[in-house]
Each structure stands twice: as structure tokens, then as C-alpha cells.
Amino acid sequence: MQLVLITGMSGSGKSVALHALEDAGFYCVDNLPPELLEAFVALENGFQAERVAVAMDVRSASSLPGLPKRLHNLRQSGVQLTTVFLDATTDTLLRRFSETRRMHPLSLADAADQQRALMDAIELERDLLADLRDRALVLDTSLLKSAALRSQIKALIDVRPSQLTLVFESFAFKRGIPMDADFVFDVRMLPNPHYEPELRPLTGRDAPVADFLREQTEVLAMREHISGFLQRWLPAMQHDHRSYVTVAVGCTGGQHRSVYMVETLAAEFAPHWAVRLRHRELD
């Protein structure tokens, strides 16, 4: 059985992710209590189900502390488990709750200051989910539209859960550092194709931009330094039972330098690791 667990912050897009998996042929269950997870998997195994997805969140707060052990037991029993944690900035979550006018699961309905109550509830939720977040692949949905989130979720289901997955992500510093990054590398000091008129409308995926950057000795040195760092420490992280590592590379606009660097690093590491690509600003 391939089992996908969707969890994360309230308002981060878990329903969108679950619907994407349903469209991809998964049998989906929302808000399954953690106490029922193992029994539910056994039931679906009896029906010879091959693709199952469940969503769990802070609505089962009292049962969350025991969830990591349950997930470990399922992996030991042979279940191919992928855990995805959806996150977003506090400002983004506040805005989304304001737009939908929904109550946060941990908010007090009779609180005098609802805005403060909502912020407190979000911070409490972060504390309750911290252990689960550390064991999952984290997706920052702060700047993602629903279509982009659905695409990323569908791409993840092809990853072999037992293998460390290396996610390379490009981004623009002017829009903030991704919350899902394990490592962040700054390439803003490299020569910028933006100042070449014929290259400005292109991206790091286009051959003329790649050719321009490939000729810069600073770009080559930066790539070698990042590659050397990852080659040194990825085996240790895999030995420590890490399932996912997200490497974020940022430049000013997230269009040229960071995109090229992510593309070349992904091509270099793909023969040895399960690799996924994200271009936050292009997506």
C-alpha cells in the first residue's frame, strides 16, 4: 500500500492537497483520528487498496503525541508512507481566516479580542505540530495558488518513500525566504542576466541565460561549493533517517540565477538521489 499523510497548519491548504490526491486515484479520508490509523490501514489492506491518503491535523490535538510512533510502526510493517506537512506564514494564515470568516479549531469563540485569539491559536498549533513537522516533507503554501499546490502534491506521490528525497527550490529574496527550506544559499552576488537586455525576459531554464551563466567563473565556483557541501552531509542526514531535505537557492527576482543554479544542481544529484524541482516565482 502507498499511504500519503497530509497534515499541517489550519488554513494552509490541506483540503486542496487531499482533493488533488483524490483526483490522482487515491482513496481519501479527512480528519481521521490518529487512534484509528493502524486499524484503518489494516482494513484497507484487507480490501487490497493500493493508494490511500488521510488528512490529520490539530483537531485531534490530544492524540497527536502518539502519532510519530504509529507512523514508525506502519513503515516497519511495509507500508510505503509519505508524510507531507503544509505550512504558511502567520500573516498568510491570518489573512486566509479573515477572508473565509472561519474559526480556527483552537480559537476561543468568546474571546474579547478575536485577532489576538487567532494569533495565539496559530502559535499554539505550531507548538503542537512541531514534532510532526520535523518528520515530514514541508511545503510552504504562503505564495502558492491552488493549481500550483495541486501540481506539487501530485509530483510528490511518485517518490519512493524509503529513499531520501532532495528538493531543490529557487526563490526571490524580495518575496521572503521559503519556510520549508532546510538549507538556504544566496546567489545574489553572482553576475545578473537581468542587466543584459536580450536576457532580461528569459529565465534560467532558457539556453541563452544558461550559456551566459555557465561562462562566469563565480557561478561555477558557487555551484561547486554548494555541491560539495551537500555531497559531504547528505549521507549523514540519510543515516539519521531524514526522509526529505529542501535546498533553497535565492536571488533578487527568482528568475535567472537561482533558477539556473537549481536546474544544474538537480541534474547533478538526480543520478544518486530522488530529486524534485520547485521554482517558486515561476510557478
Protein backbone atom coordinates (compact mmCIF):
# COMPACT_ATOMS: atom_id res chain seq x y z
CA MET A 1 0.00 0.00 0.00
CA GLN A 2 1.07 3.54 -0.75
CA LEU A 3 -0.11 5.78 2.09
CA VAL A 4 0.09 9.58 1.99
CA LEU A 5 -0.47 11.54 5.19
CA ILE A 6 -1.44 15.19 4.70
CA THR A 7 -1.05 17.34 7.78
CA GLY A 8 -0.10 20.89 8.69
CA MET A 9 -1.41 24.24 9.79
CA SER A 10 -5.10 25.09 9.64
CA GLY A 11 -5.64 27.24 6.58
CA SER A 12 -2.52 26.02 4.78
CA GLY A 13 -4.34 24.13 2.01
CA LYS A 14 -4.82 20.58 3.30
CA SER A 15 -8.23 20.24 1.64
CA VAL A 16 -6.76 21.31 -1.71
CA ALA A 17 -3.97 18.74 -1.32
CA LEU A 18 -6.40 15.96 -0.41
CA HIS A 19 -8.61 16.76 -3.41
CA ALA A 20 -5.53 16.60 -5.66
CA LEU A 21 -4.76 13.10 -4.40
CA GLU A 22 -8.38 12.08 -4.84
CA ASP A 23 -8.16 13.22 -8.46
CA ALA A 24 -4.99 11.12 -8.82
CA GLY A 25 -6.85 7.96 -7.83
CA PHE A 26 -6.28 7.83 -4.06
CA TYR A 27 -8.97 6.78 -1.61
CA CYS A 28 -9.04 9.77 0.74
CA VAL A 29 -10.24 10.28 4.31
CA ASP A 30 -10.23 13.68 6.01
CA ASN A 31 -9.71 14.25 9.75
CA LEU A 32 -9.03 10.62 10.63
CA PRO A 33 -8.33 10.29 14.38
CA PRO A 34 -4.75 9.04 14.91
CA GLU A 35 -6.01 6.22 17.15
CA LEU A 36 -7.79 4.71 14.13
CA LEU A 37 -4.90 4.94 11.67
CA GLU A 38 -3.46 1.46 12.10
CA ALA A 39 -6.88 -0.19 12.11
CA PHE A 40 -7.87 1.82 9.03
CA VAL A 41 -4.72 0.74 7.16
CA ALA A 42 -5.34 -2.90 8.11
CA LEU A 43 -8.92 -2.60 6.82
CA GLU A 44 -7.79 -1.12 3.51
CA ASN A 45 -5.10 -3.78 3.19
CA GLY A 46 -7.86 -6.36 3.53
CA PHE A 47 -9.58 -4.72 0.58
CA GLN A 48 -6.23 -4.77 -1.29
CA ALA A 49 -6.22 -0.99 -1.58
CA GLU A 50 -3.08 0.31 -3.28
CA ARG A 51 -3.32 4.10 -2.87
CA VAL A 52 -4.71 5.69 0.28
CA ALA A 53 -4.45 9.24 1.63
CA VAL A 54 -5.51 10.59 5.02
CA ALA A 55 -5.54 14.08 6.47
CA MET A 56 -4.84 14.72 10.15
CA ASP A 57 -4.46 18.00 11.95
CA VAL A 58 -4.79 19.80 15.26
CA ARG A 59 -8.46 18.85 15.55
CA SER A 60 -7.06 15.61 17.02
CA ALA A 61 -4.72 17.51 19.33
CA SER A 62 -4.97 15.11 22.27
CA SER A 63 -3.86 12.18 20.08
CA LEU A 64 -1.02 13.87 18.18
CA PRO A 65 1.83 12.98 20.60
CA GLY A 66 1.45 9.28 19.78
CA LEU A 67 1.24 9.76 16.00
CA PRO A 68 5.02 9.61 15.19
CA LYS A 69 5.25 6.15 16.81
CA ARG A 70 2.21 4.95 14.85
CA LEU A 71 3.80 6.16 11.62
CA HIS A 72 7.05 4.38 12.50
CA ASN A 73 5.16 1.14 13.12
CA LEU A 74 3.42 1.42 9.74
CA ARG A 75 6.75 1.90 7.95
CA GLN A 76 8.17 -1.13 9.78
CA SER A 77 5.21 -3.19 8.60
CA GLY A 78 5.99 -2.41 4.95
CA VAL A 79 3.61 0.45 4.23
CA GLN A 80 5.10 2.98 1.79
CA LEU A 81 4.41 6.15 3.76
CA THR A 82 4.85 9.74 2.59
CA THR A 83 4.14 12.49 5.14
CA VAL A 84 3.51 16.00 3.78
CA PHE A 85 3.28 18.99 6.15
CA LEU A 86 1.68 22.13 4.72
CA ASP A 87 2.79 25.38 6.31
CA ALA A 88 2.35 29.12 5.73
CA THR A 89 3.41 32.34 7.38
CA THR A 90 1.33 33.65 10.25
CA ASP A 91 0.35 36.73 8.22
CA THR A 92 -0.89 34.49 5.42
CA LEU A 93 -2.94 32.34 7.80
CA LEU A 94 -4.45 35.42 9.44
CA ARG A 95 -5.46 36.77 6.05
CA ARG A 96 -6.99 33.47 4.94
CA PHE A 97 -9.05 33.09 8.10
CA SER A 98 -10.17 36.70 7.75
CA GLU A 99 -11.25 36.15 4.15
CA THR A 100 -13.16 32.95 4.85
CA ARG A 101 -14.52 34.15 8.21
CA ARG A 102 -13.97 30.68 9.67
CA MET A 103 -12.99 29.94 13.25
CA HIS A 104 -9.59 28.41 13.97
CA PRO A 105 -10.00 24.97 15.62
CA LEU A 106 -8.12 26.21 18.70
CA SER A 107 -9.71 29.67 18.92
CA LEU A 108 -11.98 30.67 21.78
CA ALA A 109 -15.34 31.75 20.42
CA ASP A 110 -16.00 34.09 23.36
CA ALA A 111 -12.60 35.83 23.30
CA ALA A 112 -12.80 39.62 23.60
CA ASP A 113 -10.04 40.24 21.02
CA GLN A 114 -10.62 37.79 18.18
CA GLN A 115 -7.49 38.88 16.26
CA ARG A 116 -5.27 38.22 19.27
CA ALA A 117 -7.12 34.96 19.95
CA LEU A 118 -6.46 33.85 16.37
CA MET A 119 -2.74 34.67 16.59
CA ASP A 120 -2.46 32.80 19.89
CA ALA A 121 -4.25 29.81 18.38
CA ILE A 122 -1.87 29.73 15.39
CA GLU A 123 1.21 29.82 17.65
CA LEU A 124 -0.24 27.08 19.86
CA GLU A 125 -0.91 24.99 16.78
CA ARG A 126 2.72 25.41 15.66
CA ASP A 127 3.89 24.09 19.03
CA LEU A 128 1.54 21.11 18.94
CA LEU A 129 2.60 20.12 15.42
CA ALA A 130 6.34 20.82 15.75
CA ASP A 131 7.38 17.18 16.21
CA LEU A 132 5.28 16.03 13.27
CA ARG A 133 6.67 18.85 11.09
CA ASP A 134 10.26 17.75 11.79
CA ARG A 135 9.49 14.28 10.39
CA ALA A 136 7.70 15.37 7.20
CA LEU A 137 8.30 16.96 3.84
CA VAL A 138 7.34 20.60 4.42
CA LEU A 139 5.60 22.65 1.72
CA ASP A 140 5.32 26.40 2.21
CA THR A 141 1.98 27.40 0.65
CA SER A 142 2.18 31.11 1.53
CA LEU A 143 2.66 32.17 -2.09
CA LEU A 144 1.15 29.13 -3.83
CA LYS A 145 -2.09 29.26 -5.74
CA SER A 146 -4.34 26.21 -5.57
CA ALA A 147 -3.32 24.96 -9.01
CA ALA A 148 0.40 25.08 -8.13
CA LEU A 149 -0.20 23.26 -4.83
CA ARG A 150 -2.16 20.53 -6.60
CA SER A 151 0.67 20.09 -9.11
CA GLN A 152 3.32 19.82 -6.40
CA ILE A 153 1.31 17.29 -4.41
CA LYS A 154 0.78 15.10 -7.47
CA ALA A 155 4.51 15.23 -8.27
CA LEU A 156 5.39 14.01 -4.78
CA ILE A 157 3.42 10.77 -4.99
CA ASP A 158 5.94 9.33 -7.44
CA VAL A 159 8.78 9.50 -4.89
CA ARG A 160 9.90 6.26 -3.25
CA PRO A 161 9.13 6.89 0.46
CA SER A 162 12.08 4.82 1.71
CA GLN A 163 14.59 6.99 -0.16
CA LEU A 164 15.81 10.41 0.93
CA THR A 165 14.20 12.98 -1.35
CA LEU A 166 16.21 16.06 -2.26
CA VAL A 167 14.08 19.08 -3.13
CA PHE A 168 15.77 21.98 -4.93
CA GLU A 169 13.81 25.23 -4.81
CA SER A 170 14.53 28.61 -6.40
CA PHE A 171 13.07 31.79 -4.93
CA ALA A 172 13.30 35.59 -4.80
CA PHE A 173 14.65 37.16 -1.62
CA LYS A 174 12.38 40.17 -2.16
CA ARG A 175 9.39 37.90 -1.50
CA GLY A 176 10.84 36.20 1.56
CA ILE A 177 12.75 33.02 2.36
CA PRO A 178 10.68 29.81 1.95
CA MET A 179 9.53 28.37 5.27
CA ASP A 180 10.13 24.84 4.03
CA ALA A 181 13.88 25.31 3.42
CA ASP A 182 16.40 23.18 5.33
CA PHE A 183 19.35 24.98 3.70
CA VAL A 184 19.34 28.44 2.10
CA PHE A 185 22.02 29.63 -0.34
CA ASP A 186 22.28 33.24 -1.52
CA VAL A 187 23.47 33.75 -5.12
CA ARG A 188 22.71 37.47 -5.41
CA MET A 189 26.43 38.31 -5.65
CA LEU A 190 26.75 36.44 -8.97
CA PRO A 191 26.62 38.22 -12.37
CA ASN A 192 23.00 39.07 -13.14
CA PRO A 193 21.49 38.34 -16.58
CA HIS A 194 18.79 40.88 -15.75
CA TYR A 195 21.17 43.62 -16.88
CA GLU A 196 21.59 42.05 -20.32
CA PRO A 197 18.65 43.41 -22.39
CA GLU A 198 18.32 40.30 -24.55
CA LEU A 199 18.32 38.00 -21.50
CA ARG A 200 16.02 40.01 -19.22
CA PRO A 201 12.69 38.49 -20.39
CA LEU A 202 14.09 34.93 -20.26
CA THR A 203 14.60 32.59 -17.28
CA GLY A 204 17.35 30.33 -16.01
CA ARG A 205 15.71 27.46 -17.90
CA ASP A 206 16.42 29.11 -21.26
CA ALA A 207 19.61 28.23 -23.15
CA PRO A 208 20.89 31.81 -23.67
CA VAL A 209 20.72 32.52 -19.92
CA ALA A 210 22.33 29.17 -19.10
CA ASP A 211 25.11 29.83 -21.60
CA PHE A 212 25.73 33.28 -20.10
CA LEU A 213 25.93 31.97 -16.53
CA ARG A 214 27.97 28.92 -17.46
CA GLU A 215 30.74 31.21 -18.71
CA GLN A 216 31.04 33.04 -15.35
CA THR A 217 33.79 31.66 -13.10
CA GLU A 218 31.95 32.89 -9.99
CA VAL A 219 28.87 30.83 -10.94
CA LEU A 220 30.99 27.70 -11.39
CA ALA A 221 32.69 28.24 -8.03
CA MET A 222 29.37 28.77 -6.24
CA ARG A 223 27.90 25.61 -7.72
CA GLU A 224 30.94 23.59 -6.71
CA HIS A 225 30.75 24.92 -3.15
CA ILE A 226 27.05 24.10 -2.79
CA SER A 227 27.53 20.69 -4.39
CA GLY A 228 30.48 19.88 -2.14
CA PHE A 229 28.54 20.83 0.97
CA LEU A 230 25.59 18.62 0.02
CA GLN A 231 27.75 15.67 -1.00
CA ARG A 232 29.50 15.86 2.38
CA TRP A 233 26.37 15.99 4.54
CA LEU A 234 23.53 14.24 2.70
CA PRO A 235 24.76 10.72 3.57
CA ALA A 236 24.87 11.72 7.25
CA MET A 237 21.32 13.08 7.04
CA GLN A 238 20.11 9.88 5.40
CA HIS A 239 21.85 7.87 8.13
CA ASP A 240 19.92 10.00 10.63
CA HIS A 241 16.69 8.76 8.98
CA ARG A 242 15.84 12.05 7.31
CA SER A 243 13.32 11.46 4.52
CA TYR A 244 13.36 14.91 2.91
CA VAL A 245 15.87 17.73 2.53
CA THR A 246 14.88 21.02 0.89
CA VAL A 247 17.68 23.15 -0.54
CA ALA A 248 16.55 26.70 -1.38
CA VAL A 249 18.63 28.91 -3.68
CA GLY A 250 17.67 32.58 -3.84
CA CYS A 251 18.48 35.58 -5.99
CA THR A 252 16.85 39.01 -6.31
CA GLY A 253 13.95 38.17 -8.61
CA GLY A 254 13.94 34.35 -8.62
CA GLN A 255 14.06 34.29 -12.41
CA HIS A 256 17.62 33.83 -13.66
CA ARG A 257 20.49 32.92 -11.33
CA SER A 258 18.62 30.88 -8.72
CA VAL A 259 16.63 29.02 -11.39
CA TYR A 260 19.79 28.12 -13.32
CA MET A 261 21.58 27.00 -10.14
CA VAL A 262 18.67 24.81 -9.06
CA GLU A 263 18.37 23.25 -12.52
CA THR A 264 22.08 22.37 -12.69
CA LEU A 265 22.24 21.06 -9.12
CA ALA A 266 19.17 18.89 -9.69
CA ALA A 267 20.73 17.42 -12.84
CA GLU A 268 23.93 16.66 -10.92
CA PHE A 269 22.25 14.93 -7.98
CA ALA A 270 19.44 13.15 -9.85
CA PRO A 271 21.50 10.02 -10.65
CA HIS A 272 22.13 9.38 -6.94
CA TRP A 273 19.07 10.72 -5.10
CA ALA A 274 15.34 11.14 -5.58
CA VAL A 275 15.17 14.75 -6.77
CA ARG A 276 12.30 17.21 -7.10
CA LEU A 277 12.34 20.75 -8.51
CA ARG A 278 10.41 23.84 -7.48
CA HIS A 279 10.67 27.33 -8.94
CA ARG A 280 8.56 29.40 -6.56
CA GLU A 281 8.39 32.60 -8.57
CA LEU A 282 8.00 30.90 -11.96
CA ASP A 283 5.29 28.58 -10.62
